[in-house]
Every structure is written in C-alpha cells, then in structure tokens.
Amino acid sequence: MKGKIKIEEELCKQCGLCINWCSKKIIATSKKLNLKGYFPAVLKAKDKCTGCALCAIICPEVAIEVYRE
C-alpha cells in the first residue's frame, strides 16, 4: 500500500516524535523556520511512505494528515 502525508508546517512545534516513530525514516527536520520559530517536520522521500499513520497518531499538535492510495 502506498501512502502520502501532508504536514501543516505552521502547526508543527519540532517535537521530533514523527521523525522518531517513522518506520521508514522518511521524515526529517526542515531547514526553514515556520512563523512560530520552529523547524517543522518535512517528508523527504514521498515514494517510500506506506501510509501506516504512526506519524499522525503520535503528533501532539495534529499537524499530519495521512492519505492512502
């Protein structure tokens, strides 16, 4: 199953939980600050996402949406 995630960069507070819990290790920290002064999470390998939704489940800010194909 293929998946895709959308990260709302302005909601992200750089806690790193999604990065640590991603089984494929395809989420990283952005090099660009958001409006709140955090480096938000970004998806670095779109083609490897399985849509498992662990990142969205663990996100305390509800900043991640998961779509499955």
C-alpha atoms as a PDB file:
ATOM      1  CA  MET A   1       0.000   0.000   0.000  1.00  0.00           C
ATOM      2  CA  LYS A   2       1.253   3.439  -0.863  1.00  0.00           C
ATOM      3  CA  GLY A   3       0.675   6.464   1.262  1.00  0.00           C
ATOM      4  CA  LYS A   4       1.207  10.171   1.374  1.00  0.00           C
ATOM      5  CA  ILE A   5       1.364  12.563   4.289  1.00  0.00           C
ATOM      6  CA  LYS A   6       0.696  16.264   4.493  1.00  0.00           C
ATOM      7  CA  ILE A   7       2.396  18.186   7.287  1.00  0.00           C
ATOM      8  CA  GLU A   8       0.914  21.530   8.318  1.00  0.00           C
ATOM      9  CA  GLU A   9       4.199  23.321   8.880  1.00  0.00           C
ATOM     10  CA  GLU A  10       2.675  26.146  10.906  1.00  0.00           C
ATOM     11  CA  LEU A  11       1.206  23.701  13.448  1.00  0.00           C
ATOM     12  CA  CYS A  12       4.452  21.749  13.887  1.00  0.00           C
ATOM     13  CA  LYS A  13       6.451  22.553  17.048  1.00  0.00           C
ATOM     14  CA  GLN A  14       9.538  20.496  16.191  1.00  0.00           C
ATOM     15  CA  CYS A  15       8.985  17.857  18.889  1.00  0.00           C
ATOM     16  CA  GLY A  16      10.527  15.171  16.650  1.00  0.00           C
ATOM     17  CA  LEU A  17       8.091  12.418  17.587  1.00  0.00           C
ATOM     18  CA  CYS A  18       7.043  11.789  13.980  1.00  0.00           C
ATOM     19  CA  ILE A  19      10.685  11.580  12.940  1.00  0.00           C
ATOM     20  CA  ASN A  20      11.479   9.049  15.675  1.00  0.00           C
ATOM     21  CA  TRP A  21       8.376   6.890  15.081  1.00  0.00           C
ATOM     22  CA  CYS A  22       8.515   6.739  11.283  1.00  0.00           C
ATOM     23  CA  SER A  23       9.387   3.124  10.469  1.00  0.00           C
ATOM     24  CA  LYS A  24      10.773   4.104   7.048  1.00  0.00           C
ATOM     25  CA  LYS A  25      12.777   7.070   8.434  1.00  0.00           C
ATOM     26  CA  ILE A  26      11.480   9.356   5.689  1.00  0.00           C
ATOM     27  CA  ILE A  27      10.531  12.365   7.825  1.00  0.00           C
ATOM     28  CA  ALA A  28      13.177  14.963   8.616  1.00  0.00           C
ATOM     29  CA  THR A  29      13.505  18.429  10.107  1.00  0.00           C
ATOM     30  CA  SER A  30      13.153  21.315   7.693  1.00  0.00           C
ATOM     31  CA  LYS A  31      15.932  23.841   7.246  1.00  0.00           C
ATOM     32  CA  LYS A  32      13.320  26.612   7.082  1.00  0.00           C
ATOM     33  CA  LEU A  33      11.692  28.173  10.145  1.00  0.00           C
ATOM     34  CA  ASN A  34       7.920  28.414  10.416  1.00  0.00           C
ATOM     35  CA  LEU A  35       6.183  31.561  11.706  1.00  0.00           C
ATOM     36  CA  LYS A  36       6.456  30.374  15.326  1.00  0.00           C
ATOM     37  CA  GLY A  37      10.226  29.942  15.082  1.00  0.00           C
ATOM     38  CA  TYR A  38      10.341  26.140  14.828  1.00  0.00           C
ATOM     39  CA  PHE A  39      11.949  23.962  12.183  1.00  0.00           C
ATOM     40  CA  PRO A  40       8.933  21.849  11.140  1.00  0.00           C
ATOM     41  CA  ALA A  41       8.960  18.248  10.012  1.00  0.00           C
ATOM     42  CA  VAL A  42       9.037  17.547   6.278  1.00  0.00           C
ATOM     43  CA  LEU A  43       8.621  14.416   4.202  1.00  0.00           C
ATOM     44  CA  LYS A  44      11.926  13.672   2.468  1.00  0.00           C
ATOM     45  CA  ALA A  45      11.059  10.546   0.434  1.00  0.00           C
ATOM     46  CA  LYS A  46       7.486  10.714  -0.834  1.00  0.00           C
ATOM     47  CA  ASP A  47       7.691   7.487  -2.803  1.00  0.00           C
ATOM     48  CA  LYS A  48       8.589   5.380   0.268  1.00  0.00           C
ATOM     49  CA  CYS A  49       5.619   6.302   2.500  1.00  0.00           C
ATOM     50  CA  THR A  50       3.389   3.304   3.270  1.00  0.00           C
ATOM     51  CA  GLY A  51       0.560   5.271   4.889  1.00  0.00           C
ATOM     52  CA  CYS A  52       0.944   3.479   8.228  1.00  0.00           C
ATOM     53  CA  ALA A  53      -0.182   6.694  10.018  1.00  0.00           C
ATOM     54  CA  LEU A  54       2.136   6.306  13.023  1.00  0.00           C
ATOM     55  CA  CYS A  55       3.366   9.851  12.466  1.00  0.00           C
ATOM     56  CA  ALA A  56      -0.165  11.268  12.540  1.00  0.00           C
ATOM     57  CA  ILE A  57      -1.158   9.219  15.581  1.00  0.00           C
ATOM     58  CA  ILE A  58       1.876  10.301  17.613  1.00  0.00           C
ATOM     59  CA  CYS A  59       1.751  14.012  16.625  1.00  0.00           C
ATOM     60  CA  PRO A  60       0.588  16.024  19.677  1.00  0.00           C
ATOM     61  CA  GLU A  61      -0.276  19.040  17.500  1.00  0.00           C
ATOM     62  CA  VAL A  62      -2.397  17.074  14.979  1.00  0.00           C
ATOM     63  CA  ALA A  63      -0.229  18.573  12.246  1.00  0.00           C
ATOM     64  CA  ILE A  64      -0.101  15.486   9.992  1.00  0.00           C
ATOM     65  CA  GLU A  65      -2.748  14.101   7.666  1.00  0.00           C
ATOM     66  CA  VAL A  66      -2.313  10.676   6.034  1.00  0.00           C
ATOM     67  CA  TYR A  67      -3.687   9.666   2.654  1.00  0.00           C
ATOM     68  CA  ARG A  68      -3.591   6.096   1.320  1.00  0.00           C
ATOM     69  CA  GLU A  69      -3.688   5.017  -2.306  1.00  0.00           C
END
